[in-house]
């Protein structure tokens, strides 16, 4: 573990080990990626970009404020709209409530190109 300095973020970001990630935010296995490639080819659709897991901490006066803060921090980090981040959380992640009522963790599979841009490439 360590601290990455100079990221210029609004709050804490975690790069956790796989076993600490929510199920949906875990990287795809080779088998899953191969199935996805076959389906994408069969249906003539592009395969989603390469992704990597990340967790962003949100905080606020209450649970709703903490969730909103975490989603906004994630959107700013990835340079995506709030709606796009909400979709990513729904499909490839989770919003987990912390032990304290004013903390949440947003865990998602994020576009690798955005993480690399921020100096967070795995």
PDB file of N, CA and C in Angstrom:
ATOM      1  N   UNK A   1       0.833  -1.178   0.000  1.00  0.00           N
ATOM      2  CA  UNK A   1       0.000   0.000   0.000  1.00  0.00           C
ATOM      3  C   UNK A   1       0.875   1.237   0.000  1.00  0.00           C
ATOM      4  N   UNK A   2       0.278   2.322  -0.439  1.00  0.00           N
ATOM      5  CA  UNK A   2       1.024   3.562  -0.459  1.00  0.00           C
ATOM      6  C   UNK A   2       0.111   4.715  -0.798  1.00  0.00           C
ATOM      7  N   UNK A   3       0.688   5.885  -0.841  1.00  0.00           N
ATOM      8  CA  UNK A   3      -0.040   7.103  -1.151  1.00  0.00           C
ATOM      9  C   UNK A   3       0.502   7.641  -2.471  1.00  0.00           C
ATOM     10  N   UNK A   4      -0.402   7.990  -3.365  1.00  0.00           N
ATOM     11  CA  UNK A   4      -0.020   8.610  -4.629  1.00  0.00           C
ATOM     12  C   UNK A   4      -0.261  10.096  -4.463  1.00  0.00           C
ATOM     13  N   UNK A   5       0.800  10.866  -4.545  1.00  0.00           N
ATOM     14  CA  UNK A   5       0.677  12.302  -4.345  1.00  0.00           C
ATOM     15  C   UNK A   5       0.538  13.031  -5.671  1.00  0.00           C
ATOM     16  N   UNK A   6      -0.041  14.228  -5.614  1.00  0.00           N
ATOM     17  CA  UNK A   6      -0.148  15.080  -6.785  1.00  0.00           C
ATOM     18  C   UNK A   6      -1.287  14.728  -7.722  1.00  0.00           C
ATOM     19  N   UNK A   7      -2.298  14.014  -7.242  1.00  0.00           N
ATOM     20  CA  UNK A   7      -3.412  13.632  -8.109  1.00  0.00           C
ATOM     21  C   UNK A   7      -4.434  14.744  -8.282  1.00  0.00           C
ATOM     22  N   UNK A   8      -4.440  15.700  -7.390  1.00  0.00           N
ATOM     23  CA  UNK A   8      -5.381  16.818  -7.456  1.00  0.00           C
ATOM     24  C   UNK A   8      -6.829  16.335  -7.510  1.00  0.00           C
ATOM     25  N   UNK A   9      -7.205  15.528  -6.527  1.00  0.00           N
ATOM     26  CA  UNK A   9      -8.575  15.037  -6.435  1.00  0.00           C
ATOM     27  C   UNK A   9      -9.265  15.694  -5.242  1.00  0.00           C
ATOM     28  N   UNK A  10     -10.582  15.608  -5.248  1.00  0.00           N
ATOM     29  CA  UNK A  10     -11.387  16.249  -4.210  1.00  0.00           C
ATOM     30  C   UNK A  10     -11.549  15.379  -2.961  1.00  0.00           C
ATOM     31  N   UNK A  11     -11.108  14.141  -3.023  1.00  0.00           N
ATOM     32  CA  UNK A  11     -11.280  13.258  -1.882  1.00  0.00           C
ATOM     33  C   UNK A  11     -10.514  11.969  -2.070  1.00  0.00           C
ATOM     34  N   UNK A  12     -10.623  11.080  -1.081  1.00  0.00           N
ATOM     35  CA  UNK A  12      -9.862   9.832  -1.127  1.00  0.00           C
ATOM     36  C   UNK A  12     -10.315   8.885  -2.235  1.00  0.00           C
ATOM     37  N   UNK A  13      -9.335   8.197  -2.803  1.00  0.00           N
ATOM     38  CA  UNK A  13      -9.552   7.173  -3.814  1.00  0.00           C
ATOM     39  C   UNK A  13      -8.824   5.925  -3.340  1.00  0.00           C
ATOM     40  N   UNK A  14      -9.456   4.773  -3.496  1.00  0.00           N
ATOM     41  CA  UNK A  14      -8.832   3.513  -3.121  1.00  0.00           C
ATOM     42  C   UNK A  14      -8.587   2.667  -4.355  1.00  0.00           C
ATOM     43  N   UNK A  15      -7.454   1.997  -4.376  1.00  0.00           N
ATOM     44  CA  UNK A  15      -7.151   0.998  -5.383  1.00  0.00           C
ATOM     45  C   UNK A  15      -7.020  -0.326  -4.626  1.00  0.00           C
ATOM     46  N   UNK A  16      -8.156  -0.927  -4.278  1.00  0.00           N
ATOM     47  CA  UNK A  16      -8.167  -2.066  -3.364  1.00  0.00           C
ATOM     48  C   UNK A  16      -7.794  -3.380  -4.042  1.00  0.00           C
ATOM     49  N   UNK A  17      -7.382  -4.357  -3.233  1.00  0.00           N
ATOM     50  CA  UNK A  17      -7.173  -5.695  -3.792  1.00  0.00           C
ATOM     51  C   UNK A  17      -8.516  -6.273  -4.232  1.00  0.00           C
ATOM     52  N   UNK A  18      -8.467  -7.212  -5.171  1.00  0.00           N
ATOM     53  CA  UNK A  18      -9.691  -7.760  -5.755  1.00  0.00           C
ATOM     54  C   UNK A  18     -10.663  -8.288  -4.710  1.00  0.00           C
ATOM     55  N   UNK A  19     -10.164  -8.925  -3.665  1.00  0.00           N
ATOM     56  CA  UNK A  19     -11.062  -9.519  -2.663  1.00  0.00           C
ATOM     57  C   UNK A  19     -11.848  -8.464  -1.871  1.00  0.00           C
ATOM     58  N   UNK A  20     -11.412  -7.217  -1.900  1.00  0.00           N
ATOM     59  CA  UNK A  20     -12.132  -6.147  -1.197  1.00  0.00           C
ATOM     60  C   UNK A  20     -13.145  -5.427  -2.078  1.00  0.00           C
ATOM     61  N   UNK A  21     -13.207  -5.781  -3.351  1.00  0.00           N
ATOM     62  CA  UNK A  21     -14.118  -5.115  -4.281  1.00  0.00           C
ATOM     63  C   UNK A  21     -15.511  -5.729  -4.233  1.00  0.00           C
ATOM     64  N   UNK A  22     -16.553  -4.924  -4.469  1.00  0.00           N
ATOM     65  CA  UNK A  22     -17.888  -5.493  -4.638  1.00  0.00           C
ATOM     66  C   UNK A  22     -17.861  -6.444  -5.839  1.00  0.00           C
ATOM     67  N   UNK A  23     -18.710  -7.443  -5.840  1.00  0.00           N
ATOM     68  CA  UNK A  23     -18.709  -8.464  -6.893  1.00  0.00           C
ATOM     69  C   UNK A  23     -18.728  -7.861  -8.300  1.00  0.00           C
ATOM     70  N   UNK A  24     -19.626  -6.905  -8.548  1.00  0.00           N
ATOM     71  CA  UNK A  24     -19.759  -6.340  -9.893  1.00  0.00           C
ATOM     72  C   UNK A  24     -18.583  -5.463 -10.307  1.00  0.00           C
ATOM     73  N   UNK A  25     -17.788  -5.004  -9.368  1.00  0.00           N
ATOM     74  CA  UNK A  25     -16.662  -4.124  -9.697  1.00  0.00           C
ATOM     75  C   UNK A  25     -15.359  -4.898  -9.865  1.00  0.00           C
ATOM     76  N   UNK A  26     -15.434  -6.216  -9.820  1.00  0.00           N
ATOM     77  CA  UNK A  26     -14.214  -7.014  -9.996  1.00  0.00           C
ATOM     78  C   UNK A  26     -13.868  -7.116 -11.476  1.00  0.00           C
ATOM     79  N   UNK A  27     -12.580  -7.102 -11.791  1.00  0.00           N
ATOM     80  CA  UNK A  27     -12.178  -7.218 -13.206  1.00  0.00           C
ATOM     81  C   UNK A  27     -12.729  -8.508 -13.819  1.00  0.00           C
ATOM     82  N   UNK A  28     -13.002  -8.437 -15.110  1.00  0.00           N
ATOM     83  CA  UNK A  28     -13.523  -9.605 -15.812  1.00  0.00           C
ATOM     84  C   UNK A  28     -12.448 -10.675 -15.943  1.00  0.00           C
ATOM     85  N   UNK A  29     -12.871 -11.917 -15.878  1.00  0.00           N
ATOM     86  CA  UNK A  29     -11.947 -13.032 -16.079  1.00  0.00           C
ATOM     87  C   UNK A  29     -11.700 -13.199 -17.580  1.00  0.00           C
ATOM     88  N   UNK A  30     -10.701 -13.979 -17.929  1.00  0.00           N
ATOM     89  CA  UNK A  30     -10.429 -14.249 -19.348  1.00  0.00           C
ATOM     90  C   UNK A  30     -11.642 -14.893 -20.010  1.00  0.00           C
ATOM     91  N   UNK A  31     -12.267 -15.815 -19.284  1.00  0.00           N
ATOM     92  CA  UNK A  31     -13.437 -16.506 -19.835  1.00  0.00           C
ATOM     93  C   UNK A  31     -14.584 -15.522 -20.098  1.00  0.00           C
ATOM     94  N   UNK A  32     -14.818 -14.617 -19.154  1.00  0.00           N
ATOM     95  CA  UNK A  32     -15.876 -13.618 -19.332  1.00  0.00           C
ATOM     96  C   UNK A  32     -15.581 -12.707 -20.513  1.00  0.00           C
ATOM     97  N   UNK A  33     -14.322 -12.288 -20.645  1.00  0.00           N
ATOM     98  CA  UNK A  33     -13.949 -11.424 -21.768  1.00  0.00           C
ATOM     99  C   UNK A  33     -14.100 -12.155 -23.096  1.00  0.00           C
ATOM    100  N   UNK A  34     -13.746 -13.417 -23.136  1.00  0.00           N
ATOM    101  CA  UNK A  34     -13.888 -14.188 -24.376  1.00  0.00           C
ATOM    102  C   UNK A  34     -15.361 -14.330 -24.757  1.00  0.00           C
ATOM    103  N   UNK A  35     -16.223 -14.596 -23.773  1.00  0.00           N
ATOM    104  CA  UNK A  35     -17.668 -14.661 -24.044  1.00  0.00           C
ATOM    105  C   UNK A  35     -18.170 -13.321 -24.557  1.00  0.00           C
ATOM    106  N   UNK A  36     -17.704 -12.241 -23.950  1.00  0.00           N
ATOM    107  CA  UNK A  36     -18.119 -10.902 -24.379  1.00  0.00           C
ATOM    108  C   UNK A  36     -17.662 -10.627 -25.805  1.00  0.00           C
ATOM    109  N   UNK A  37     -16.440 -11.027 -26.142  1.00  0.00           N
ATOM    110  CA  UNK A  37     -15.937 -10.819 -27.512  1.00  0.00           C
ATOM    111  C   UNK A  37     -16.789 -11.588 -28.526  1.00  0.00           C
ATOM    112  N   UNK A  38     -17.117 -12.831 -28.187  1.00  0.00           N
ATOM    113  CA  UNK A  38     -17.942 -13.633 -29.095  1.00  0.00           C
ATOM    114  C   UNK A  38     -19.323 -12.999 -29.287  1.00  0.00           C
ATOM    115  N   UNK A  39     -19.933 -12.569 -28.187  1.00  0.00           N
ATOM    116  CA  UNK A  39     -21.254 -11.939 -28.290  1.00  0.00           C
ATOM    117  C   UNK A  39     -21.193 -10.628 -29.068  1.00  0.00           C
ATOM    118  N   UNK A  40     -20.170  -9.835 -28.806  1.00  0.00           N
ATOM    119  CA  UNK A  40     -20.021  -8.566 -29.527  1.00  0.00           C
ATOM    120  C   UNK A  40     -19.861  -8.813 -31.018  1.00  0.00           C
ATOM    121  N   UNK A  41     -19.084  -9.817 -31.365  1.00  0.00           N
ATOM    122  CA  UNK A  41     -18.884 -10.144 -32.777  1.00  0.00           C
ATOM    123  C   UNK A  41     -20.184 -10.671 -33.389  1.00  0.00           C
ATOM    124  N   UNK A  42     -20.874 -11.544 -32.670  1.00  0.00           N
ATOM    125  CA  UNK A  42     -22.128 -12.117 -33.151  1.00  0.00           C
ATOM    126  C   UNK A  42     -23.176 -11.042 -33.416  1.00  0.00           C
ATOM    127  N   UNK A  43     -23.246 -10.057 -32.539  1.00  0.00           N
ATOM    128  CA  UNK A  43     -24.260  -9.014 -32.654  1.00  0.00           C
ATOM    129  C   UNK A  43     -23.736  -7.751 -33.344  1.00  0.00           C
ATOM    130  N   UNK A  44     -22.498  -7.796 -33.800  1.00  0.00           N
ATOM    131  CA  UNK A  44     -21.880  -6.680 -34.521  1.00  0.00           C
ATOM    132  C   UNK A  44     -21.948  -5.375 -33.728  1.00  0.00           C
ATOM    133  N   UNK A  45     -21.558  -5.453 -32.456  1.00  0.00           N
ATOM    134  CA  UNK A  45     -21.492  -4.266 -31.606  1.00  0.00           C
ATOM    135  C   UNK A  45     -20.078  -4.132 -31.061  1.00  0.00           C
ATOM    136  N   UNK A  46     -19.643  -2.907 -30.808  1.00  0.00           N
ATOM    137  CA  UNK A  46     -18.298  -2.738 -30.256  1.00  0.00           C
ATOM    138  C   UNK A  46     -18.234  -3.224 -28.815  1.00  0.00           C
ATOM    139  N   UNK A  47     -17.111  -3.789 -28.454  1.00  0.00           N
ATOM    140  CA  UNK A  47     -16.897  -4.229 -27.082  1.00  0.00           C
ATOM    141  C   UNK A  47     -16.496  -3.024 -26.235  1.00  0.00           C
ATOM    142  N   UNK A  48     -16.980  -2.983 -25.017  1.00  0.00           N
ATOM    143  CA  UNK A  48     -16.667  -1.868 -24.109  1.00  0.00           C
ATOM    144  C   UNK A  48     -15.158  -1.711 -23.952  1.00  0.00           C
ATOM    145  N   UNK A  49     -14.754  -0.503 -23.640  1.00  0.00           N
ATOM    146  CA  UNK A  49     -13.340  -0.209 -23.464  1.00  0.00           C
ATOM    147  C   UNK A  49     -12.729  -1.015 -22.317  1.00  0.00           C
ATOM    148  N   UNK A  50     -11.410  -1.061 -22.278  1.00  0.00           N
ATOM    149  CA  UNK A  50     -10.723  -1.729 -21.174  1.00  0.00           C
ATOM    150  C   UNK A  50     -11.021  -0.981 -19.882  1.00  0.00           C
ATOM    151  N   UNK A  51     -11.229  -1.749 -18.810  1.00  0.00           N
ATOM    152  CA  UNK A  51     -11.609  -1.139 -17.544  1.00  0.00           C
ATOM    153  C   UNK A  51     -10.765  -1.699 -16.396  1.00  0.00           C
ATOM    154  N   UNK A  52     -10.723  -0.939 -15.320  1.00  0.00           N
ATOM    155  CA  UNK A  52     -10.020  -1.355 -14.113  1.00  0.00           C
ATOM    156  C   UNK A  52     -10.825  -0.879 -12.904  1.00  0.00           C
ATOM    157  N   UNK A  53     -10.719  -1.581 -11.781  1.00  0.00           N
ATOM    158  CA  UNK A  53     -11.498  -1.212 -10.603  1.00  0.00           C
ATOM    159  C   UNK A  53     -10.918  -0.018  -9.856  1.00  0.00           C
ATOM    160  N   UNK A  54     -11.841   0.748  -9.284  1.00  0.00           N
ATOM    161  CA  UNK A  54     -11.457   1.883  -8.445  1.00  0.00           C
ATOM    162  C   UNK A  54     -12.580   2.118  -7.446  1.00  0.00           C
ATOM    163  N   UNK A  55     -12.226   2.666  -6.297  1.00  0.00           N
ATOM    164  CA  UNK A  55     -13.225   3.046  -5.303  1.00  0.00           C
ATOM    165  C   UNK A  55     -12.994   4.505  -4.916  1.00  0.00           C
ATOM    166  N   UNK A  56     -14.097   5.246  -4.865  1.00  0.00           N
ATOM    167  CA  UNK A  56     -14.055   6.660  -4.497  1.00  0.00           C
ATOM    168  C   UNK A  56     -14.896   6.830  -3.231  1.00  0.00           C
ATOM    169  N   UNK A  57     -14.365   7.545  -2.271  1.00  0.00           N
ATOM    170  CA  UNK A  57     -15.054   7.780  -1.006  1.00  0.00           C
ATOM    171  C   UNK A  57     -15.899   9.048  -1.112  1.00  0.00           C
ATOM    172  N   UNK A  58     -17.140   8.951  -0.658  1.00  0.00           N
ATOM    173  CA  UNK A  58     -18.021  10.109  -0.592  1.00  0.00           C
ATOM    174  C   UNK A  58     -18.371  10.395   0.855  1.00  0.00           C
ATOM    175  N   UNK A  59     -18.549  11.662   1.179  1.00  0.00           N
ATOM    176  CA  UNK A  59     -18.906  12.029   2.552  1.00  0.00           C
ATOM    177  C   UNK A  59     -19.920  13.162   2.527  1.00  0.00           C
ATOM    178  N   UNK A  60     -20.688  13.265   3.597  1.00  0.00           N
ATOM    179  CA  UNK A  60     -21.690  14.317   3.676  1.00  0.00           C
ATOM    180  C   UNK A  60     -22.383  14.304   5.016  1.00  0.00           C
ATOM    181  N   UNK A  61     -23.281  15.245   5.212  1.00  0.00           N
ATOM    182  CA  UNK A  61     -23.982  15.386   6.487  1.00  0.00           C
ATOM    183  C   UNK A  61     -24.901  14.212   6.782  1.00  0.00           C
ATOM    184  N   UNK A  62     -25.361  13.532   5.750  1.00  0.00           N
ATOM    185  CA  UNK A  62     -26.212  12.352   5.916  1.00  0.00           C
ATOM    186  C   UNK A  62     -25.921  11.397   4.766  1.00  0.00           C
ATOM    187  N   UNK A  63     -26.597  10.265   4.732  1.00  0.00           N
ATOM    188  CA  UNK A  63     -26.341   9.238   3.728  1.00  0.00           C
ATOM    189  C   UNK A  63     -26.590   9.740   2.301  1.00  0.00           C
ATOM    190  N   UNK A  64     -27.682  10.477   2.101  1.00  0.00           N
ATOM    191  CA  UNK A  64     -27.974  10.992   0.761  1.00  0.00           C
ATOM    192  C   UNK A  64     -26.896  11.954   0.285  1.00  0.00           C
ATOM    193  N   UNK A  65     -26.456  12.824   1.154  1.00  0.00           N
ATOM    194  CA  UNK A  65     -25.411  13.790   0.791  1.00  0.00           C
ATOM    195  C   UNK A  65     -24.087  13.075   0.512  1.00  0.00           C
ATOM    196  N   UNK A  66     -23.782  12.055   1.298  1.00  0.00           N
ATOM    197  CA  UNK A  66     -22.552  11.286   1.088  1.00  0.00           C
ATOM    198  C   UNK A  66     -22.589  10.566  -0.256  1.00  0.00           C
ATOM    199  N   UNK A  67     -23.735   9.961  -0.597  1.00  0.00           N
ATOM    200  CA  UNK A  67     -23.873   9.276  -1.879  1.00  0.00           C
ATOM    201  C   UNK A  67     -23.715  10.258  -3.036  1.00  0.00           C
ATOM    202  N   UNK A  68     -24.364  11.394  -2.943  1.00  0.00           N
ATOM    203  CA  UNK A  68     -24.267  12.412  -3.995  1.00  0.00           C
ATOM    204  C   UNK A  68     -22.821  12.889  -4.137  1.00  0.00           C
ATOM    205  N   UNK A  69     -22.159  13.118  -3.013  1.00  0.00           N
ATOM    206  CA  UNK A  69     -20.770  13.564  -3.032  1.00  0.00           C
ATOM    207  C   UNK A  69     -19.862  12.513  -3.686  1.00  0.00           C
ATOM    208  N   UNK A  70     -20.054  11.249  -3.345  1.00  0.00           N
ATOM    209  CA  UNK A  70     -19.246  10.177  -3.934  1.00  0.00           C
ATOM    210  C   UNK A  70     -19.458  10.060  -5.435  1.00  0.00           C
ATOM    211  N   UNK A  71     -20.702  10.172  -5.864  1.00  0.00           N
ATOM    212  CA  UNK A  71     -21.002  10.109  -7.294  1.00  0.00           C
ATOM    213  C   UNK A  71     -20.392  11.295  -8.031  1.00  0.00           C
ATOM    214  N   UNK A  72     -20.490  12.484  -7.444  1.00  0.00           N
ATOM    215  CA  UNK A  72     -19.915  13.678  -8.070  1.00  0.00           C
ATOM    216  C   UNK A  72     -18.392  13.600  -8.120  1.00  0.00           C
ATOM    217  N   UNK A  73     -17.767  13.090  -7.069  1.00  0.00           N
ATOM    218  CA  UNK A  73     -16.303  12.933  -7.074  1.00  0.00           C
ATOM    219  C   UNK A  73     -15.879  11.946  -8.155  1.00  0.00           C
ATOM    220  N   UNK A  74     -16.639  10.875  -8.298  1.00  0.00           N
ATOM    221  CA  UNK A  74     -16.319   9.872  -9.318  1.00  0.00           C
ATOM    222  C   UNK A  74     -16.475  10.477 -10.711  1.00  0.00           C
ATOM    223  N   UNK A  75     -17.549  11.228 -10.932  1.00  0.00           N
ATOM    224  CA  UNK A  75     -17.773  11.868 -12.227  1.00  0.00           C
ATOM    225  C   UNK A  75     -16.630  12.839 -12.558  1.00  0.00           C
ATOM    226  N   UNK A  76     -16.204  13.608 -11.585  1.00  0.00           N
ATOM    227  CA  UNK A  76     -15.104  14.557 -11.808  1.00  0.00           C
ATOM    228  C   UNK A  76     -13.805  13.817 -12.108  1.00  0.00           C
ATOM    229  N   UNK A  77     -13.534  12.764 -11.358  1.00  0.00           N
ATOM    230  CA  UNK A  77     -12.312  11.986 -11.557  1.00  0.00           C
ATOM    231  C   UNK A  77     -12.253  11.398 -12.962  1.00  0.00           C
ATOM    232  N   UNK A  78     -13.373  10.852 -13.422  1.00  0.00           N
ATOM    233  CA  UNK A  78     -13.407  10.174 -14.718  1.00  0.00           C
ATOM    234  C   UNK A  78     -13.777  11.100 -15.871  1.00  0.00           C
ATOM    235  N   UNK A  79     -14.068  12.375 -15.539  1.00  0.00           N
ATOM    236  CA  UNK A  79     -14.494  13.348 -16.543  1.00  0.00           C
ATOM    237  C   UNK A  79     -15.692  12.817 -17.325  1.00  0.00           C
ATOM    238  N   UNK A  80     -16.685  12.336 -16.580  1.00  0.00           N
ATOM    239  CA  UNK A  80     -17.918  11.812 -17.151  1.00  0.00           C
ATOM    240  C   UNK A  80     -19.096  12.514 -16.507  1.00  0.00           C
ATOM    241  N   UNK A  81     -20.241  12.402 -17.145  1.00  0.00           N
ATOM    242  CA  UNK A  81     -21.444  12.993 -16.572  1.00  0.00           C
ATOM    243  C   UNK A  81     -21.891  12.196 -15.353  1.00  0.00           C
ATOM    244  N   UNK A  82     -22.660  12.837 -14.521  1.00  0.00           N
ATOM    245  CA  UNK A  82     -23.209  12.178 -13.340  1.00  0.00           C
ATOM    246  C   UNK A  82     -24.080  10.989 -13.756  1.00  0.00           C
ATOM    247  N   UNK A  83     -24.851  11.148 -14.824  1.00  0.00           N
ATOM    248  CA  UNK A  83     -25.693  10.049 -15.306  1.00  0.00           C
ATOM    249  C   UNK A  83     -24.863   8.855 -15.764  1.00  0.00           C
ATOM    250  N   UNK A  84     -23.746   9.115 -16.446  1.00  0.00           N
ATOM    251  CA  UNK A  84     -22.870   8.020 -16.884  1.00  0.00           C
ATOM    252  C   UNK A  84     -22.303   7.275 -15.684  1.00  0.00           C
ATOM    253  N   UNK A  85     -21.895   7.996 -14.668  1.00  0.00           N
ATOM    254  CA  UNK A  85     -21.360   7.358 -13.457  1.00  0.00           C
ATOM    255  C   UNK A  85     -22.447   6.528 -12.774  1.00  0.00           C
ATOM    256  N   UNK A  86     -23.655   7.060 -12.694  1.00  0.00           N
ATOM    257  CA  UNK A  86     -24.757   6.292 -12.096  1.00  0.00           C
ATOM    258  C   UNK A  86     -24.986   4.996 -12.870  1.00  0.00           C
ATOM    259  N   UNK A  87     -24.914   5.059 -14.201  1.00  0.00           N
ATOM    260  CA  UNK A  87     -25.050   3.846 -15.007  1.00  0.00           C
ATOM    261  C   UNK A  87     -23.931   2.862 -14.706  1.00  0.00           C
ATOM    262  N   UNK A  88     -22.704   3.354 -14.626  1.00  0.00           N
ATOM    263  CA  UNK A  88     -21.573   2.477 -14.330  1.00  0.00           C
ATOM    264  C   UNK A  88     -21.728   1.809 -12.955  1.00  0.00           C
ATOM    265  N   UNK A  89     -22.181   2.576 -11.974  1.00  0.00           N
ATOM    266  CA  UNK A  89     -22.382   2.014 -10.629  1.00  0.00           C
ATOM    267  C   UNK A  89     -23.442   0.918 -10.678  1.00  0.00           C
ATOM    268  N   UNK A  90     -24.489   1.127 -11.459  1.00  0.00           N
ATOM    269  CA  UNK A  90     -25.560   0.146 -11.571  1.00  0.00           C
ATOM    270  C   UNK A  90     -25.085  -1.132 -12.258  1.00  0.00           C
ATOM    271  N   UNK A  91     -24.295  -0.990 -13.321  1.00  0.00           N
ATOM    272  CA  UNK A  91     -23.923  -2.133 -14.146  1.00  0.00           C
ATOM    273  C   UNK A  91     -22.616  -2.782 -13.700  1.00  0.00           C
ATOM    274  N   UNK A  92     -21.617  -1.994 -13.340  1.00  0.00           N
ATOM    275  CA  UNK A  92     -20.300  -2.565 -13.017  1.00  0.00           C
ATOM    276  C   UNK A  92     -19.803  -2.107 -11.652  1.00  0.00           C
ATOM    277  N   UNK A  93     -20.680  -2.020 -10.679  1.00  0.00           N
ATOM    278  CA  UNK A  93     -20.184  -1.549  -9.391  1.00  0.00           C
ATOM    279  C   UNK A  93     -21.203  -1.602  -8.288  1.00  0.00           C
ATOM    280  N   UNK A  94     -20.935  -0.790  -7.282  1.00  0.00           N
ATOM    281  CA  UNK A  94     -21.810  -0.743  -6.110  1.00  0.00           C
ATOM    282  C   UNK A  94     -21.551   0.542  -5.341  1.00  0.00           C
ATOM    283  N   UNK A  95     -22.588   0.992  -4.682  1.00  0.00           N
ATOM    284  CA  UNK A  95     -22.484   2.083  -3.736  1.00  0.00           C
ATOM    285  C   UNK A  95     -22.651   1.423  -2.369  1.00  0.00           C
ATOM    286  N   UNK A  96     -21.584   1.412  -1.596  1.00  0.00           N
ATOM    287  CA  UNK A  96     -21.611   0.746  -0.298  1.00  0.00           C
ATOM    288  C   UNK A  96     -21.638   1.765   0.823  1.00  0.00           C
ATOM    289  N   UNK A  97     -22.466   1.507   1.809  1.00  0.00           N
ATOM    290  CA  UNK A  97     -22.596   2.395   2.960  1.00  0.00           C
ATOM    291  C   UNK A  97     -21.498   2.070   3.957  1.00  0.00           C
ATOM    292  N   UNK A  98     -20.809   3.116   4.420  1.00  0.00           N
ATOM    293  CA  UNK A  98     -19.745   2.924   5.393  1.00  0.00           C
ATOM    294  C   UNK A  98     -20.292   2.642   6.783  1.00  0.00           C
ATOM    295  N   UNK A  99     -19.414   2.366   7.683  1.00  0.00           N
ATOM    296  CA  UNK A  99     -19.828   2.102   9.071  1.00  0.00           C
ATOM    297  C   UNK A  99     -20.374   3.353   9.740  1.00  0.00           C
ATOM    298  N   UNK A 100     -19.950   4.487   9.264  1.00  0.00           N
ATOM    299  CA  UNK A 100     -20.467   5.747   9.774  1.00  0.00           C
ATOM    300  C   UNK A 100     -21.487   6.272   8.772  1.00  0.00           C
ATOM    301  N   UNK A 101     -22.587   6.853   9.214  1.00  0.00           N
ATOM    302  CA  UNK A 101     -23.680   7.212   8.307  1.00  0.00           C
ATOM    303  C   UNK A 101     -23.354   8.323   7.314  1.00  0.00           C
ATOM    304  N   UNK A 102     -22.220   8.940   7.419  1.00  0.00           N
ATOM    305  CA  UNK A 102     -21.900  10.029   6.502  1.00  0.00           C
ATOM    306  C   UNK A 102     -20.783   9.646   5.520  1.00  0.00           C
ATOM    307  N   UNK A 103     -20.545   8.336   5.372  1.00  0.00           N
ATOM    308  CA  UNK A 103     -19.526   7.865   4.437  1.00  0.00           C
ATOM    309  C   UNK A 103     -20.088   6.783   3.517  1.00  0.00           C
ATOM    310  N   UNK A 104     -19.706   6.844   2.231  1.00  0.00           N
ATOM    311  CA  UNK A 104     -20.038   5.795   1.274  1.00  0.00           C
ATOM    312  C   UNK A 104     -18.798   5.508   0.436  1.00  0.00           C
ATOM    313  N   UNK A 105     -18.786   4.349  -0.186  1.00  0.00           N
ATOM    314  CA  UNK A 105     -17.736   3.990  -1.126  1.00  0.00           C
ATOM    315  C   UNK A 105     -18.395   3.662  -2.454  1.00  0.00           C
ATOM    316  N   UNK A 106     -17.945   4.323  -3.506  1.00  0.00           N
ATOM    317  CA  UNK A 106     -18.405   4.050  -4.859  1.00  0.00           C
ATOM    318  C   UNK A 106     -17.349   3.157  -5.494  1.00  0.00           C
ATOM    319  N   UNK A 107     -17.692   1.910  -5.748  1.00  0.00           N
ATOM    320  CA  UNK A 107     -16.769   0.979  -6.386  1.00  0.00           C
ATOM    321  C   UNK A 107     -17.260   0.657  -7.784  1.00  0.00           C
ATOM    322  N   UNK A 108     -16.410   0.884  -8.790  1.00  0.00           N
ATOM    323  CA  UNK A 108     -16.808   0.618 -10.179  1.00  0.00           C
ATOM    324  C   UNK A 108     -15.626   0.120 -10.995  1.00  0.00           C
ATOM    325  N   UNK A 109     -15.959  -0.436 -12.148  1.00  0.00           N
ATOM    326  CA  UNK A 109     -14.963  -0.661 -13.187  1.00  0.00           C
ATOM    327  C   UNK A 109     -14.929   0.621 -14.012  1.00  0.00           C
ATOM    328  N   UNK A 110     -13.813   1.281 -14.007  1.00  0.00           N
ATOM    329  CA  UNK A 110     -13.669   2.573 -14.677  1.00  0.00           C
ATOM    330  C   UNK A 110     -12.883   2.410 -15.974  1.00  0.00           C
ATOM    331  N   UNK A 111     -13.133   3.278 -16.953  1.00  0.00           N
ATOM    332  CA  UNK A 111     -12.366   3.219 -18.201  1.00  0.00           C
ATOM    333  C   UNK A 111     -10.875   3.402 -17.923  1.00  0.00           C
ATOM    334  N   UNK A 112     -10.093   2.474 -18.389  1.00  0.00           N
ATOM    335  CA  UNK A 112      -8.653   2.509 -18.144  1.00  0.00           C
ATOM    336  C   UNK A 112      -8.029   3.780 -18.718  1.00  0.00           C
ATOM    337  N   UNK A 113      -8.535   4.244 -19.852  1.00  0.00           N
ATOM    338  CA  UNK A 113      -7.962   5.451 -20.457  1.00  0.00           C
ATOM    339  C   UNK A 113      -8.112   6.659 -19.527  1.00  0.00           C
ATOM    340  N   UNK A 114      -9.222   6.732 -18.784  1.00  0.00           N
ATOM    341  CA  UNK A 114      -9.421   7.842 -17.858  1.00  0.00           C
ATOM    342  C   UNK A 114      -8.512   7.707 -16.633  1.00  0.00           C
ATOM    343  N   UNK A 115      -8.319   6.487 -16.165  1.00  0.00           N
ATOM    344  CA  UNK A 115      -7.434   6.275 -15.018  1.00  0.00           C
ATOM    345  C   UNK A 115      -5.995   6.589 -15.398  1.00  0.00           C
ATOM    346  N   UNK A 116      -5.585   6.167 -16.592  1.00  0.00           N
ATOM    347  CA  UNK A 116      -4.235   6.461 -17.054  1.00  0.00           C
ATOM    348  C   UNK A 116      -4.007   7.968 -17.169  1.00  0.00           C
ATOM    349  N   UNK A 117      -5.012   8.662 -17.661  1.00  0.00           N
ATOM    350  CA  UNK A 117      -4.953  10.116 -17.799  1.00  0.00           C
ATOM    351  C   UNK A 117      -4.690  10.789 -16.445  1.00  0.00           C
ATOM    352  N   UNK A 118      -5.203  10.204 -15.376  1.00  0.00           N
ATOM    353  CA  UNK A 118      -5.068  10.757 -14.031  1.00  0.00           C
ATOM    354  C   UNK A 118      -3.856  10.201 -13.273  1.00  0.00           C
ATOM    355  N   UNK A 119      -3.083   9.335 -13.924  1.00  0.00           N
ATOM    356  CA  UNK A 119      -1.921   8.749 -13.264  1.00  0.00           C
ATOM    357  C   UNK A 119      -2.265   7.590 -12.355  1.00  0.00           C
ATOM    358  N   UNK A 120      -3.419   6.966 -12.603  1.00  0.00           N
ATOM    359  CA  UNK A 120      -3.887   5.856 -11.763  1.00  0.00           C
ATOM    360  C   UNK A 120      -3.883   4.538 -12.517  1.00  0.00           C
ATOM    361  N   UNK A 121      -3.064   4.408 -13.541  1.00  0.00           N
ATOM    362  CA  UNK A 121      -3.054   3.149 -14.275  1.00  0.00           C
ATOM    363  C   UNK A 121      -2.507   2.034 -13.390  1.00  0.00           C
ATOM    364  N   UNK A 122      -3.088   0.848 -13.535  1.00  0.00           N
ATOM    365  CA  UNK A 122      -2.743  -0.251 -12.605  1.00  0.00           C
ATOM    366  C   UNK A 122      -1.312  -0.724 -12.714  1.00  0.00           C
TER     367      UNK A 122
END
